[in-house]
Amino acid sequence: MRFKSLLIFISLFIFISYCMAEEVRIEGKAVEQFQRVGAWGWVVSAGSVLNGPEEMAGRNVSVYLTSANPEEYPPGFIDPNIVVGDRVAVYGLLETAEPDVYDILLVGSKEYYIKPASS
């Protein structure tokens, strides 16, 4: 029952975020990989903002996937070959739950990604 409640909460959070979010593109450096309950991805030091709020430049941004239902929220792509220090390109949905805190969700389109910048 607890797991089902967690999945419902995550799905609701993704739906609300998806409805209110804007698509962004950044390039930066992969700082560290992370894995949390229901989410995994990379912390990226944003170097240049190609599309989105310029205030993201120079900040660490979490770029991640979640364990949402893929039928409703198609997952994007995290290149498995990324290592710390790589230059990466990111395309996804911007989330700003707190002022000056930026997260990029890779759920909602199969087109979203984090991959080496040269790919």
Protein backbone atom coordinates (compact mmCIF):
# COMPACT_ATOMS: atom_id res chain seq x y z
CA MET A 1 0.00 0.00 0.00
CA ARG A 2 2.83 2.38 0.86
CA PHE A 3 4.51 1.79 -2.51
CA LYS A 4 1.23 2.43 -4.34
CA SER A 5 0.77 5.71 -2.45
CA LEU A 6 4.32 6.75 -3.35
CA LEU A 7 3.69 6.02 -7.04
CA ILE A 8 0.46 8.03 -6.97
CA PHE A 9 2.28 10.93 -5.33
CA ILE A 10 5.13 10.81 -7.87
CA SER A 11 2.66 10.64 -10.77
CA LEU A 12 0.69 13.60 -9.42
CA PHE A 13 3.90 15.60 -8.92
CA ILE A 14 5.01 14.85 -12.47
CA PHE A 15 1.60 15.77 -13.89
CA ILE A 16 1.55 19.12 -12.06
CA SER A 17 5.17 19.81 -13.01
CA TYR A 18 4.52 18.84 -16.62
CA CYS A 19 1.54 21.23 -16.88
CA MET A 20 3.45 24.17 -15.41
CA ALA A 21 6.94 23.58 -16.81
CA GLU A 22 8.70 25.01 -19.82
CA GLU A 23 11.11 23.20 -22.09
CA VAL A 24 14.75 24.22 -21.71
CA ARG A 25 18.10 23.43 -23.32
CA ILE A 26 21.44 23.85 -21.58
CA GLU A 27 25.03 22.78 -21.98
CA GLY A 28 27.35 22.26 -19.06
CA LYS A 29 29.59 19.88 -17.16
CA ALA A 30 28.50 16.64 -15.46
CA VAL A 31 29.33 17.13 -11.77
CA GLU A 32 27.94 14.04 -10.05
CA GLN A 33 25.55 11.19 -10.65
CA PHE A 34 22.76 10.62 -8.11
CA GLN A 35 20.04 8.15 -7.26
CA ARG A 36 17.15 8.81 -4.89
CA VAL A 37 13.90 7.00 -4.17
CA GLY A 38 12.00 7.20 -7.46
CA ALA A 39 14.49 9.50 -9.22
CA TRP A 40 17.99 9.27 -10.73
CA GLY A 41 20.20 11.41 -12.92
CA TRP A 42 23.03 13.95 -12.89
CA VAL A 43 23.92 17.23 -11.26
CA VAL A 44 25.09 19.50 -14.08
CA SER A 45 26.97 22.77 -13.75
CA ALA A 46 25.12 24.86 -16.33
CA GLY A 47 27.58 26.64 -18.58
CA SER A 48 25.33 28.06 -21.27
CA VAL A 49 21.57 28.36 -21.45
CA LEU A 50 20.40 27.83 -25.01
CA ASN A 51 16.70 28.07 -24.18
CA GLY A 52 15.36 29.01 -20.74
CA PRO A 53 16.09 31.39 -17.87
CA GLU A 54 19.56 32.92 -18.14
CA GLU A 55 19.78 32.75 -14.31
CA MET A 56 20.53 29.02 -14.62
CA ALA A 57 24.00 29.76 -16.07
CA GLY A 58 26.69 29.07 -13.51
CA ARG A 59 24.38 27.09 -11.21
CA ASN A 60 24.19 23.40 -10.44
CA VAL A 61 21.04 21.89 -11.95
CA SER A 62 19.59 18.43 -11.21
CA VAL A 63 18.72 16.60 -14.44
CA TYR A 64 16.73 13.45 -13.83
CA LEU A 65 14.27 10.70 -14.71
CA THR A 66 11.57 9.37 -12.39
CA SER A 67 9.78 6.07 -12.04
CA ALA A 68 6.52 7.43 -13.49
CA ASN A 69 4.21 5.30 -15.61
CA PRO A 70 5.88 5.30 -19.05
CA GLU A 71 2.50 4.87 -20.77
CA GLU A 72 1.36 8.26 -19.43
CA TYR A 73 4.73 10.02 -19.09
CA PRO A 74 7.23 8.81 -21.70
CA PRO A 75 10.78 8.81 -20.36
CA GLY A 76 13.60 10.67 -22.02
CA PHE A 77 17.17 9.42 -22.25
CA ILE A 78 20.21 9.47 -19.96
CA ASP A 79 23.34 8.47 -21.86
CA PRO A 80 24.92 5.66 -19.80
CA ASN A 81 28.43 6.61 -20.96
CA ILE A 82 28.52 10.02 -19.23
CA VAL A 83 31.27 10.36 -16.63
CA VAL A 84 32.08 13.12 -14.15
CA GLY A 85 33.66 16.06 -15.98
CA ASP A 86 32.04 15.41 -19.37
CA ARG A 87 30.54 18.31 -21.29
CA VAL A 88 26.86 17.49 -21.67
CA ALA A 89 23.83 18.75 -23.55
CA VAL A 90 20.45 18.71 -21.80
CA TYR A 91 16.90 19.08 -23.11
CA GLY A 92 13.88 18.67 -20.81
CA LEU A 93 11.25 20.32 -18.65
CA LEU A 94 12.34 23.03 -16.22
CA GLU A 95 11.06 22.79 -12.66
CA THR A 96 11.49 25.55 -10.10
CA ALA A 97 10.01 24.39 -6.80
CA GLU A 98 12.07 26.97 -4.87
CA PRO A 99 13.49 30.34 -5.92
CA ASP A 100 16.94 30.01 -7.53
CA VAL A 101 16.73 26.18 -7.55
CA TYR A 102 16.49 24.67 -11.01
CA ASP A 103 15.73 21.06 -11.91
CA ILE A 104 15.25 19.57 -15.36
CA LEU A 105 12.85 16.65 -15.65
CA LEU A 106 13.45 14.16 -18.47
CA VAL A 107 9.91 12.75 -18.33
CA GLY A 108 7.04 13.65 -20.64
CA SER A 109 8.70 13.16 -24.02
CA LYS A 110 11.00 10.57 -25.56
CA GLU A 111 12.84 13.54 -27.08
CA TYR A 112 14.25 14.74 -23.70
CA TYR A 113 17.87 13.85 -22.94
CA ILE A 114 21.17 14.34 -21.22
CA LYS A 115 24.03 13.25 -23.44
CA PRO A 116 27.63 14.17 -24.21
CA ALA A 117 27.66 17.62 -25.85
CA SER A 118 29.37 16.26 -28.96
CA SER A 119 26.59 13.69 -29.62
